[in-house]
Protein backbone atom coordinates (compact mmCIF):
# COMPACT_ATOMS: atom_id res chain seq x y z
CA UNK A 1 -3.98 39.61 -46.97
CA UNK A 2 -0.88 37.54 -47.22
CA UNK A 3 -1.16 33.74 -45.85
CA UNK A 4 1.86 32.00 -45.05
CA UNK A 5 2.83 29.46 -47.67
CA UNK A 6 1.90 25.87 -47.37
CA UNK A 7 5.47 25.26 -46.18
CA UNK A 8 5.89 27.99 -43.58
CA UNK A 9 3.02 26.08 -41.72
CA UNK A 10 5.12 23.97 -39.45
CA UNK A 11 7.10 26.62 -38.52
CA UNK A 12 3.69 28.42 -37.24
CA UNK A 13 2.55 25.58 -35.25
CA UNK A 14 5.72 25.10 -33.86
CA UNK A 15 5.93 28.59 -32.61
CA UNK A 16 1.86 28.82 -31.97
CA UNK A 17 2.64 25.65 -29.38
CA UNK A 18 5.98 27.43 -28.05
CA UNK A 19 4.44 30.20 -27.04
CA UNK A 20 1.19 28.59 -25.31
CA UNK A 21 3.84 26.16 -23.39
CA UNK A 22 5.33 29.92 -22.63
CA UNK A 23 1.96 31.27 -21.51
CA UNK A 24 1.34 27.95 -19.22
CA UNK A 25 4.80 28.16 -17.68
CA UNK A 26 4.56 31.85 -16.62
CA UNK A 27 0.87 31.58 -15.27
CA UNK A 28 2.03 28.20 -13.03
CA UNK A 29 5.15 30.26 -11.50
CA UNK A 30 4.27 33.37 -11.56
CA UNK A 31 0.24 33.66 -11.53
CA UNK A 32 -0.89 30.16 -9.90
CA UNK A 33 -2.96 30.21 -6.65
CA UNK A 34 0.02 27.81 -5.58
CA UNK A 35 2.73 30.00 -6.21
CA UNK A 36 3.80 30.92 -3.00
CA UNK A 37 3.86 27.59 -1.39
CA UNK A 38 7.81 25.89 -1.58
CA UNK A 39 8.97 23.41 -3.98
CA UNK A 40 11.31 22.75 -6.85
CA UNK A 41 10.38 25.32 -9.54
CA UNK A 42 10.44 22.17 -12.20
CA UNK A 43 7.54 20.88 -10.27
CA UNK A 44 5.59 24.24 -9.96
CA UNK A 45 5.58 24.38 -14.27
CA UNK A 46 4.90 20.74 -15.20
CA UNK A 47 3.69 17.16 -13.96
CA UNK A 48 6.46 15.56 -15.55
CA UNK A 49 8.95 15.42 -12.67
CA UNK A 50 6.64 14.10 -10.32
CA UNK A 51 5.39 11.62 -12.85
CA UNK A 52 8.50 10.50 -13.80
CA UNK A 53 9.52 9.69 -9.90
CA UNK A 54 6.45 7.48 -9.26
CA UNK A 55 7.11 5.48 -12.74
CA UNK A 56 10.79 4.86 -11.92
CA UNK A 57 9.23 3.54 -8.27
CA UNK A 58 11.35 5.97 -6.26
CA UNK A 59 8.28 8.70 -5.21
CA UNK A 60 8.59 7.83 -1.67
CA UNK A 61 12.38 8.40 -1.23
CA UNK A 62 12.08 11.43 -3.25
CA UNK A 63 8.80 12.99 -1.36
CA UNK A 64 11.11 12.39 1.71
CA UNK A 65 14.10 14.38 0.33
CA UNK A 66 11.36 17.35 -0.74
CA UNK A 67 10.15 17.18 2.65
CA UNK A 68 13.63 17.25 4.36
CA UNK A 69 14.39 20.42 2.02
CA UNK A 70 11.44 22.33 2.06
CA UNK A 71 9.57 21.28 4.92
CA UNK A 72 5.90 19.93 5.91
CA UNK A 73 4.02 21.07 2.86
CA UNK A 74 5.55 21.28 -0.53
CA UNK A 75 4.36 21.81 -3.84
CA UNK A 76 5.02 18.45 -5.61
CA UNK A 77 3.06 19.35 -9.22
CA UNK A 78 1.69 22.43 -10.63
CA UNK A 79 -1.45 21.89 -9.01
CA UNK A 80 -0.66 19.64 -6.14
CA UNK A 81 0.20 19.88 -2.47
CA UNK A 82 1.94 17.25 -0.11
CA UNK A 83 1.44 17.36 3.53
CA UNK A 84 3.37 15.63 6.40
CA UNK A 85 1.26 16.55 9.36
CA UNK A 86 -0.86 14.06 11.60
CA UNK A 87 -4.12 16.69 11.44
CA UNK A 88 -3.61 16.44 7.41
CA UNK A 89 -4.97 12.79 7.60
CA UNK A 90 -8.67 14.04 9.24
CA UNK A 91 -9.09 16.70 6.89
CA UNK A 92 -7.95 14.68 3.74
CA UNK A 93 -9.98 11.85 4.23
CA UNK A 94 -13.24 13.01 5.73
CA UNK A 95 -13.46 13.26 9.11
CA UNK A 96 -13.10 16.95 9.63
CA UNK A 97 -14.91 19.04 7.43
CA UNK A 98 -16.09 18.06 3.50
CA UNK A 99 -15.57 15.04 2.28
CA UNK A 100 -12.79 14.82 -0.43
CA UNK A 101 -12.88 12.34 -3.30
CA UNK A 102 -9.83 10.79 -4.65
CA UNK A 103 -7.91 12.34 -7.66
CA UNK A 104 -8.84 10.71 -10.96
CA UNK A 105 -5.58 9.64 -11.27
CA UNK A 106 -6.07 6.82 -8.86
CA UNK A 107 -6.63 3.74 -10.56
CA UNK A 108 -6.99 0.64 -8.89
CA UNK A 109 -5.49 -3.06 -9.48
CA UNK A 110 -8.79 -4.29 -10.26
CA UNK A 111 -10.33 -2.17 -13.37
CA UNK A 112 -14.16 -1.81 -14.03
CA UNK A 113 -15.75 -5.07 -15.30
CA UNK A 114 -19.03 -5.16 -17.42
CA UNK A 115 -20.14 -1.20 -15.98
CA UNK A 116 -19.34 -2.12 -12.55
CA UNK A 117 -16.53 -1.43 -10.16
CA UNK A 118 -15.28 -2.64 -6.75
CA UNK A 119 -14.84 -0.66 -3.22
CA UNK A 120 -11.23 0.65 -4.39
CA UNK A 121 -12.85 2.54 -7.31
CA UNK A 122 -16.37 3.20 -6.30
CA UNK A 123 -17.39 6.98 -5.23
CA UNK A 124 -19.82 8.52 -3.45
CA UNK A 125 -22.87 6.42 -2.19
CA UNK A 126 -21.45 3.45 -4.58
CA UNK A 127 -18.54 3.32 -1.91
CA UNK A 128 -20.79 3.78 1.09
CA UNK A 129 -23.22 0.90 -0.26
CA UNK A 130 -20.47 -1.39 -1.15
CA UNK A 131 -18.32 -0.08 2.19
CA UNK A 132 -21.65 -1.20 4.12
CA UNK A 133 -22.08 -4.64 2.50
CA UNK A 134 -18.48 -5.75 3.00
CA UNK A 135 -17.90 -4.29 6.40
CA UNK A 136 -19.99 -7.41 8.36
CA UNK A 137 -17.84 -10.00 6.57
CA UNK A 138 -14.46 -8.37 7.93
CA UNK A 139 -15.95 -7.20 10.98
CA UNK A 140 -13.79 -8.41 14.61
CA UNK A 141 -16.78 -10.94 15.12
CA UNK A 142 -16.83 -12.32 11.57
CA UNK A 143 -12.95 -12.46 11.86
CA UNK A 144 -13.13 -14.57 15.13
CA UNK A 145 -15.60 -17.01 13.05
CA UNK A 146 -13.18 -17.54 10.77
CA UNK A 147 -10.47 -18.28 12.83
CA UNK A 148 -10.28 -22.18 11.81
CA UNK A 149 -9.59 -21.14 8.14
CA UNK A 150 -6.80 -18.54 9.08
CA UNK A 151 -5.23 -21.38 11.42
CA UNK A 152 -5.39 -24.05 8.68
CA UNK A 153 -3.10 -21.66 6.47
CA UNK A 154 -1.07 -20.77 8.98
CA UNK A 155 -0.21 -24.16 10.11
CA UNK A 156 0.40 -25.12 6.19
CA UNK A 157 2.88 -22.18 6.40
CA UNK A 158 4.70 -23.86 9.54
CA UNK A 159 4.60 -26.91 8.01
CA UNK A 160 6.50 -25.52 4.54
CA UNK A 161 8.98 -23.82 6.77
CA UNK A 162 9.64 -27.20 8.63
CA UNK A 163 10.19 -28.81 5.19
CA UNK A 164 12.73 -25.87 4.58
CA UNK A 165 14.86 -26.75 8.23
CA UNK A 166 14.72 -30.43 7.27
CA UNK A 167 16.61 -29.82 3.84
CA UNK A 168 19.36 -27.57 5.40
CA UNK A 169 18.56 -24.22 3.79
CA UNK A 170 17.59 -20.93 4.42
CA UNK A 171 13.96 -19.57 3.71
CA UNK A 172 13.24 -16.42 1.26
CA UNK A 173 10.55 -15.61 3.85
CA UNK A 174 9.53 -12.88 1.06
CA UNK A 175 8.00 -15.78 -0.64
CA UNK A 176 6.78 -17.61 2.05
CA UNK A 177 4.67 -14.68 3.34
CA UNK A 178 2.82 -14.65 0.19
CA UNK A 179 0.60 -17.26 1.26
CA UNK A 180 -2.77 -16.72 3.40
CA UNK A 181 -6.59 -16.93 2.28
CA UNK A 182 -6.60 -18.93 -0.70
CA UNK A 183 -3.24 -19.80 -1.05
CA UNK A 184 -1.45 -19.46 -4.57
CA UNK A 185 0.09 -22.91 -4.15
CA UNK A 186 3.57 -21.51 -3.08
CA UNK A 187 3.74 -22.86 -0.12
CA UNK A 188 3.44 -26.37 -1.85
CA UNK A 189 6.35 -25.39 -4.01
CA UNK A 190 8.41 -23.20 -2.14
CA UNK A 191 8.46 -20.11 -4.14
CA UNK A 192 5.84 -17.86 -5.57
CA UNK A 193 3.77 -19.41 -8.39
CA UNK A 194 2.99 -17.16 -11.85
CA UNK A 195 -0.44 -16.02 -10.40
CA UNK A 196 1.28 -14.70 -7.07
CA UNK A 197 4.00 -13.16 -9.15
CA UNK A 198 1.19 -11.39 -11.24
CA UNK A 199 -0.30 -9.10 -8.23
CA UNK A 200 3.15 -7.68 -8.62
CA UNK A 201 2.71 -6.56 -12.29
CA UNK A 202 -0.74 -5.63 -11.58
CA UNK A 203 0.27 -3.03 -9.26
CA UNK A 204 3.44 -2.18 -11.43
CA UNK A 205 0.88 -1.37 -14.39
CA UNK A 206 -1.33 0.58 -12.08
CA UNK A 207 1.51 2.64 -10.90
CA UNK A 208 2.37 3.32 -14.79
CA UNK A 209 -1.05 4.34 -15.79
CA UNK A 210 -1.23 6.81 -12.77
CA UNK A 211 1.94 8.38 -13.80
CA UNK A 212 1.18 8.81 -17.07
CA UNK A 213 -2.79 10.13 -16.22
CA UNK A 214 -0.68 13.06 -14.49
CA UNK A 215 0.60 14.15 -17.72
CA UNK A 216 -1.72 13.21 -20.35
CA UNK A 217 -5.13 13.03 -18.45
CA UNK A 218 -7.58 10.75 -17.97
CA UNK A 219 -9.47 8.32 -20.67
CA UNK A 220 -8.00 10.65 -23.32
CA UNK A 221 -6.15 9.77 -26.56
CA UNK A 222 -3.00 10.70 -25.41
CA UNK A 223 -3.14 8.45 -22.69
CA UNK A 224 -3.84 5.52 -24.55
CA UNK A 225 -1.14 6.37 -27.09
CA UNK A 226 1.07 6.44 -24.43
CA UNK A 227 0.46 3.37 -22.60
CA UNK A 228 0.53 1.30 -26.03
CA UNK A 229 4.13 3.20 -26.66
CA UNK A 230 6.05 2.48 -23.59
CA UNK A 231 4.06 -0.01 -21.30
CA UNK A 232 5.51 -3.32 -22.15
CA UNK A 233 2.95 -5.66 -23.81
CA UNK A 234 4.09 -8.19 -21.09
CA UNK A 235 2.50 -6.45 -18.49
CA UNK A 236 -1.02 -6.93 -20.49
CA UNK A 237 -0.50 -10.36 -19.84
CA UNK A 238 0.33 -10.96 -16.03
CA UNK A 239 -3.11 -8.67 -16.00
CA UNK A 240 -5.12 -11.21 -17.74
CA UNK A 241 -3.72 -13.75 -15.63
CA UNK A 242 -4.27 -12.25 -12.38
CA UNK A 243 -8.10 -11.75 -13.08
CA UNK A 244 -8.72 -14.73 -14.84
CA UNK A 245 -7.19 -16.64 -12.12
CA UNK A 246 -9.00 -14.66 -9.43
CA UNK A 247 -12.26 -14.71 -10.94
CA UNK A 248 -12.05 -18.56 -11.45
CA UNK A 249 -11.53 -18.84 -7.72
CA UNK A 250 -14.12 -16.74 -6.88
CA UNK A 251 -16.48 -18.87 -8.99
CA UNK A 252 -15.53 -21.50 -7.46
CA UNK A 253 -16.04 -20.43 -4.00
CA UNK A 254 -19.55 -19.31 -4.76
CA UNK A 255 -20.48 -22.51 -5.71
CA UNK A 256 -19.08 -23.56 -2.22
CA UNK A 257 -21.73 -23.54 0.12
CA UNK A 258 -19.52 -25.24 3.05
CA UNK A 259 -17.03 -22.90 3.41
CA UNK A 260 -17.82 -20.22 6.25
CA UNK A 261 -15.08 -17.24 4.76
CA UNK A 262 -15.52 -13.86 3.77
CA UNK A 263 -17.59 -14.88 0.79
CA UNK A 264 -19.79 -16.50 3.02
CA UNK A 265 -21.12 -13.61 4.58
CA UNK A 266 -21.42 -11.30 1.62
CA UNK A 267 -23.55 -14.14 0.63
CA UNK A 268 -25.60 -13.96 3.53
CA UNK A 269 -27.16 -9.81 3.02
CA UNK A 270 -30.54 -10.35 2.22
CA UNK A 271 -31.19 -6.16 1.46
CA UNK A 272 -31.29 -6.30 -2.38
CA UNK A 273 -30.41 -2.60 -2.11
CA UNK A 274 -26.64 -3.35 -0.13
CA UNK A 275 -26.30 -6.64 -1.37
CA UNK A 276 -23.12 -7.10 -3.81
CA UNK A 277 -23.89 -8.26 -7.42
CA UNK A 278 -21.48 -11.45 -8.15
CA UNK A 279 -19.60 -9.45 -10.54
CA UNK A 280 -18.89 -7.17 -7.60
CA UNK A 281 -17.88 -9.85 -5.50
CA UNK A 282 -15.36 -10.74 -7.87
CA UNK A 283 -13.85 -7.46 -8.27
CA UNK A 284 -13.42 -6.89 -4.51
CA UNK A 285 -11.71 -10.41 -4.48
CA UNK A 286 -9.50 -9.51 -7.11
CA UNK A 287 -8.81 -6.60 -5.07
CA UNK A 288 -8.59 -8.46 -1.88
CA UNK A 289 -6.15 -11.08 -3.73
CA UNK A 290 -4.14 -8.62 -4.77
CA UNK A 291 -4.05 -5.53 -2.04
CA UNK A 292 -4.66 -8.33 0.43
CA UNK A 293 -1.78 -10.92 0.23
CA UNK A 294 0.67 -8.76 -0.75
CA UNK A 295 0.46 -5.99 1.36
CA UNK A 296 0.43 -8.12 4.81
CA UNK A 297 3.27 -10.12 3.16
CA UNK A 298 5.32 -6.84 2.95
CA UNK A 299 4.65 -6.06 6.12
CA UNK A 300 5.93 -9.56 7.84
CA UNK A 301 8.72 -9.38 5.71
CA UNK A 302 10.27 -6.01 6.80
CA UNK A 303 8.79 -7.24 10.96
CA UNK A 304 10.73 -10.23 10.34
CA UNK A 305 14.02 -8.35 9.15
CA UNK A 306 13.78 -5.88 11.61
CA UNK A 307 13.60 -8.26 14.81
CA UNK A 308 16.26 -10.30 13.14
CA UNK A 309 18.33 -6.79 13.42
CA UNK A 310 17.39 -5.54 16.77
CA UNK A 311 18.43 -8.51 19.67
CA UNK A 312 17.01 -6.44 22.47
CA UNK A 313 13.66 -6.40 20.70
CA UNK A 314 14.01 -9.76 19.41
CA UNK A 315 14.39 -10.99 22.81
CA UNK A 316 12.20 -9.54 24.41
CA UNK A 317 9.48 -10.55 21.57
CA UNK A 318 10.31 -13.86 22.27
CA UNK A 319 9.85 -13.95 25.93
CA UNK A 320 6.63 -12.35 25.39
CA UNK A 321 5.36 -14.84 22.94
CA UNK A 322 6.88 -17.87 24.61
CA UNK A 323 5.69 -17.14 27.96
CA UNK A 324 2.03 -16.70 26.85
CA UNK A 325 2.21 -19.95 24.73
CA UNK A 326 3.46 -23.36 25.85
CA UNK A 327 2.43 -25.25 22.76
CA UNK A 328 1.14 -23.92 19.53
CA UNK A 329 -2.21 -25.12 20.48
CA UNK A 330 -2.45 -22.41 22.77
CA UNK A 331 -2.12 -19.39 20.08
CA UNK A 332 -5.82 -18.58 19.57
CA UNK A 333 -7.19 -15.31 18.07
CA UNK A 334 -7.99 -13.60 21.92
CA UNK A 335 -4.82 -14.56 23.37
CA UNK A 336 -2.65 -12.73 20.79
CA UNK A 337 -4.47 -9.60 20.81
CA UNK A 338 -3.31 -9.84 24.40
CA UNK A 339 0.33 -9.80 23.44
CA UNK A 340 1.19 -5.62 23.40
CA UNK A 341 4.98 -5.75 22.82
CA UNK A 342 3.90 -8.34 19.59
CA UNK A 343 1.45 -5.07 18.60
CA UNK A 344 4.14 -2.58 18.96
CA UNK A 345 6.80 -4.43 17.16
CA UNK A 346 3.96 -4.83 14.38
CA UNK A 347 3.10 -1.30 14.22
CA UNK A 348 6.84 -0.02 14.50
CA UNK A 349 7.29 -2.25 11.16
CA UNK A 350 4.13 -0.51 9.54
CA UNK A 351 5.56 2.71 10.04
CA UNK A 352 9.00 2.49 8.77
CA UNK A 353 7.85 0.27 5.74
CA UNK A 354 4.00 0.99 4.85
CA UNK A 355 3.07 -1.62 2.25
CA UNK A 356 1.05 0.89 0.35
CA UNK A 357 3.39 3.96 0.69
CA UNK A 358 2.53 5.70 -2.46
CA UNK A 359 1.10 9.26 -1.77
CA UNK A 360 -2.98 9.08 -1.21
CA UNK A 361 -4.10 12.11 -3.43
CA UNK A 362 -7.62 13.80 -2.77
CA UNK A 363 -9.36 16.70 -4.43
CA UNK A 364 -10.38 20.00 -2.30
CA UNK A 365 -14.02 20.40 -2.84
CA UNK A 366 -16.05 23.53 -3.69
CA UNK A 367 -15.36 26.47 -0.86
CA UNK A 368 -11.52 25.44 -0.48
CA UNK A 369 -10.41 24.00 2.72
CA UNK A 370 -7.33 25.24 5.66
CA UNK A 371 -5.27 22.27 6.04
CA UNK A 372 -2.22 23.07 8.44
CA UNK A 373 -2.81 26.92 8.65
CA UNK A 374 -2.79 27.13 4.98
CA UNK A 375 -6.01 28.12 2.81
CA UNK A 376 -5.66 25.77 -0.01
CA UNK A 377 -8.06 26.40 -3.33
CA UNK A 378 -10.92 24.12 -4.54
CA UNK A 379 -9.79 21.94 -7.37
CA UNK A 380 -6.42 21.56 -5.71
CA UNK A 381 -5.18 18.13 -5.29
CA UNK A 382 -3.69 17.54 -1.85
CA UNK A 383 -1.53 14.80 -0.88
CA UNK A 384 0.27 12.84 1.93
CA UNK A 385 2.80 10.18 1.75
CA UNK A 386 2.46 7.26 4.42
CA UNK A 387 6.20 6.79 3.88
CA UNK A 388 6.93 10.67 4.67
CA UNK A 389 4.69 11.55 7.42
CA UNK A 390 5.98 8.09 9.54
CA UNK A 391 9.38 8.70 9.09
CA UNK A 392 8.74 12.48 9.68
CA UNK A 393 11.07 14.25 12.77
CA UNK A 394 8.23 16.30 13.47
CA UNK A 395 5.88 13.49 14.03
CA UNK A 396 8.40 11.03 15.52
CA UNK A 397 11.12 11.20 17.69
CA UNK A 398 14.15 9.32 16.56
CA UNK A 399 12.10 8.86 13.26
CA UNK A 400 14.13 6.39 11.54
CA UNK A 401 14.95 3.82 14.20
CA UNK A 402 12.98 0.67 15.04
CA UNK A 403 11.66 1.50 18.71
CA UNK A 404 8.57 -0.59 19.34
CA UNK A 405 8.28 1.05 22.48
CA UNK A 406 6.89 3.86 21.46
CA UNK A 407 4.22 2.72 20.78
CA UNK A 408 3.54 1.39 24.09
CA UNK A 409 3.57 4.91 25.86
CA UNK A 410 5.28 3.57 28.75
CA UNK A 411 8.78 5.59 28.04
CA UNK A 412 8.57 9.82 28.56
CA UNK A 413 11.17 9.95 25.46
CA UNK A 414 7.99 9.51 23.07
CA UNK A 415 5.83 11.31 25.40
CA UNK A 416 5.23 14.05 22.57
CA UNK A 417 4.48 11.79 19.59
CA UNK A 418 2.13 11.95 16.79
CA UNK A 419 1.11 8.19 16.97
CA UNK A 420 -1.67 8.97 14.55
CA UNK A 421 0.66 10.63 11.98
CA UNK A 422 1.38 6.40 11.13
CA UNK A 423 -1.39 5.64 8.90
CA UNK A 424 -0.58 2.76 6.72
CA UNK A 425 -4.15 1.82 5.89
CA UNK A 426 -5.08 5.21 4.99
CA UNK A 427 -7.92 6.57 7.27
CA UNK A 428 -11.68 7.55 7.78
CA UNK A 429 -14.85 6.09 5.65
CA UNK A 430 -12.19 5.22 3.05
CA UNK A 431 -9.33 3.46 4.96
CA UNK A 432 -8.50 -0.30 4.07
CA UNK A 433 -11.45 -2.23 4.66
CA UNK A 434 -8.98 -5.21 5.53
CA UNK A 435 -7.28 -3.84 8.22
CA UNK A 436 -8.74 -5.69 10.90
CA UNK A 437 -8.04 -9.12 8.90
CA UNK A 438 -4.39 -7.55 8.30
CA UNK A 439 -3.60 -7.00 11.78
CA UNK A 440 -4.94 -10.23 12.83
CA UNK A 441 -3.26 -12.38 10.52
CA UNK A 442 0.20 -11.09 11.27
CA UNK A 443 -0.20 -11.21 15.13
CA UNK A 444 -0.70 -15.19 14.47
CA UNK A 445 1.46 -15.67 12.47
CA UNK A 446 4.07 -14.19 14.35
CA UNK A 447 3.31 -15.92 17.41
CA UNK A 448 3.27 -19.56 15.55
CA UNK A 449 6.75 -18.01 13.97
CA UNK A 450 8.38 -17.46 17.38
CA UNK A 451 6.80 -20.17 19.23
CA UNK A 452 8.33 -22.75 16.62
CA UNK A 453 11.61 -21.77 15.66
CA UNK A 454 14.36 -19.59 16.44
CA UNK A 455 15.48 -16.93 13.39
CA UNK A 456 18.79 -15.43 12.36
CA UNK A 457 19.45 -13.64 8.77
CA UNK A 458 21.66 -15.86 6.18
CA UNK A 459 24.34 -13.56 5.21
CA UNK A 460 26.21 -15.69 2.75
CA UNK A 461 27.48 -15.58 -0.25
CA UNK A 462 24.57 -13.02 -2.36
CA UNK A 463 22.21 -13.44 0.20
CA UNK A 464 24.03 -10.67 2.10
CA UNK A 465 22.99 -8.20 -0.41
CA UNK A 466 19.43 -9.31 -0.82
CA UNK A 467 19.16 -8.82 3.13
CA UNK A 468 20.88 -5.61 3.51
CA UNK A 469 18.22 -4.09 1.09
CA UNK A 470 16.28 -4.17 4.22
CA UNK A 471 18.12 -1.16 5.62
CA UNK A 472 16.11 1.78 7.95
CA UNK A 473 17.31 4.31 5.63
CA UNK A 474 16.54 2.41 2.32
CA UNK A 475 18.00 4.06 -0.98
CA UNK A 476 15.90 4.31 -4.02
CA UNK A 477 17.62 1.85 -5.78
CA UNK A 478 16.87 -0.62 -2.91
CA UNK A 479 13.24 -0.72 -2.16
CA UNK A 480 10.85 0.46 -4.86
CA UNK A 481 7.27 1.50 -4.71
CA UNK A 482 4.92 0.43 -7.10
CA UNK A 483 1.67 1.18 -5.75
CA UNK A 484 2.85 -0.95 -3.00
CA UNK A 485 6.58 -1.52 -1.99
CA UNK A 486 8.59 -4.05 -3.85
CA UNK A 487 10.05 -6.01 -1.06
CA UNK A 488 13.45 -7.45 -1.78
CA UNK A 489 14.27 -11.24 -0.83
CA UNK A 490 14.80 -11.81 3.09
CA UNK A 491 17.07 -14.94 3.40
CA UNK A 492 16.23 -16.37 7.21
CA UNK A 493 17.94 -19.63 8.81
CA UNK A 494 15.11 -21.16 10.93
CA UNK A 495 16.12 -23.32 14.10
CA UNK A 496 13.61 -25.41 15.35
CA UNK A 497 13.11 -25.33 19.14
C-alpha cells in the first residue's frame, strides 16, 4: 500500500473537508425533514445567513421580508422554522401541549454567576422556583404598594423636563425615558450615563454571542475563538461595568430595610425552598435593570413619536387624560388603569415597535408537534418574531398603520383582528415577569406627561433625520435590533400648559 507523501496531506485534508461539506449540503437540501418547507435555499443549507442578519441587527426586517415572500411558515435555517400565527404563541410557550424549552442558542443579559443563574436563563423546575419567588414582588397588589416610589421617579422625570423647557431647548426623549426604578443619574445630567449606555452594549454582546452559537455551537472552542477574534474587546468593558454597577446598587439596597420596593418583597419570602439567594437576587436585578429600563424606554419613545405624528390620536388622547385629571395630584395607579384610549395607544405602539423584537426560539420536544397544520419533528427549532407577527396582514388589518382604535373593539373594521398575535412580552409560563410593572409605569408616565405639556416634534436641522428614523415602515439601516430595538434619538419640544 502506497500512502500519500507528507506534502500531499493538506490536499487530502482539503478534499475530505470539501466532501463533508458537500454531503451536508445535499442532505440538508434534499433529505432533511424540513426540506419541504419554503425558504431561501441558502438558509436551508447553512446557519450563516441567519446568523449574519442577527449579528448585523436586521433580523426583524429580514424575517419580515421572508414572511412576505414565502408565507406564514418559513425555513430560516437548516433546522429552524419561523411561524407567524397567533395560535403558534400558545404551542411554543407551553400553554397548549408539551412545554418547549428555549433554544440553547439563547443568551441572556445576566450571565451565570458563581454557579447560579437568574430567571432569564433558568430552565424547568429551577425556572418555576425562581418565577414563584419573584411573582409576589411583581404582583398587582405589590406594585400598587410601590406607587409612592414610582410616582417619585416620575416626578423627577417631569422636573428634569421642566428644566429643559426653561432652557428653551428640545428634549431627547430617548434619553429621558431611560430613567426609572433606581435612576441611572441621567435625569440629573439630561443624558444617558455610562451605566445606562452599558445596557445597550450588553444587549449587543448577547446578540453577537447568539449569532455565533448558531454557527459554532454552544460553549465550543470554535465559539470562543470567534468571540475573541471578532467581538470588540471594548464590549467586555461595558459588560463588566454593567454587572459591577448593578451588583453595587443591589447590595446597597439589600442593606436598606426601609425601602418597600421589589427587593423588599423578595426578602419577605420565608420559604427556604423557594427563596432566592443573594446571588440570584443580584442576577435578577441585573436582568431587571437591563430588560426593564431599556424596553420600557423604547416603548415610550415609540409611543411619543406615534402620537406626535397622528394629530387625531394626539387630540383624542389629550382629551381623555386632561378630562380625567384636573391636576397631576389626581393621577393615581387606579385612575390611569381606567383610561381605555391611553391603554390602546400603548398596545398599538407595542405592536408596531415591540422592544424585544428578536425572534423567540423554542425546541420541539420528543414526539414532535403539530403547528398550524404542519407536523414538525422533535429537535427542530421553531421561532416566532414579535415584529413579524405584529405586522402580519393575516393577523391585523391595515397592519403598518397606527390605529389604536383596533384595541377598543368598537369599530367593525377590526372585528376579524387577531389581537392575541401581538405578544411583545412573550406568552405563557415564561413571558416577561415585569409586564404588569411596565404597563403601569407607561400609563402613569403618559398621563403625567400630557397633563403637564403639549408635545411637538423638533424637525430643525439634523434632528429631522433622527426623528424620521421613527417611521411606520422602518428600513434595516434606521432601527437596528440587538435583543432589543436600538432606539434612535427623538427630539421633542415641550410646551408647558
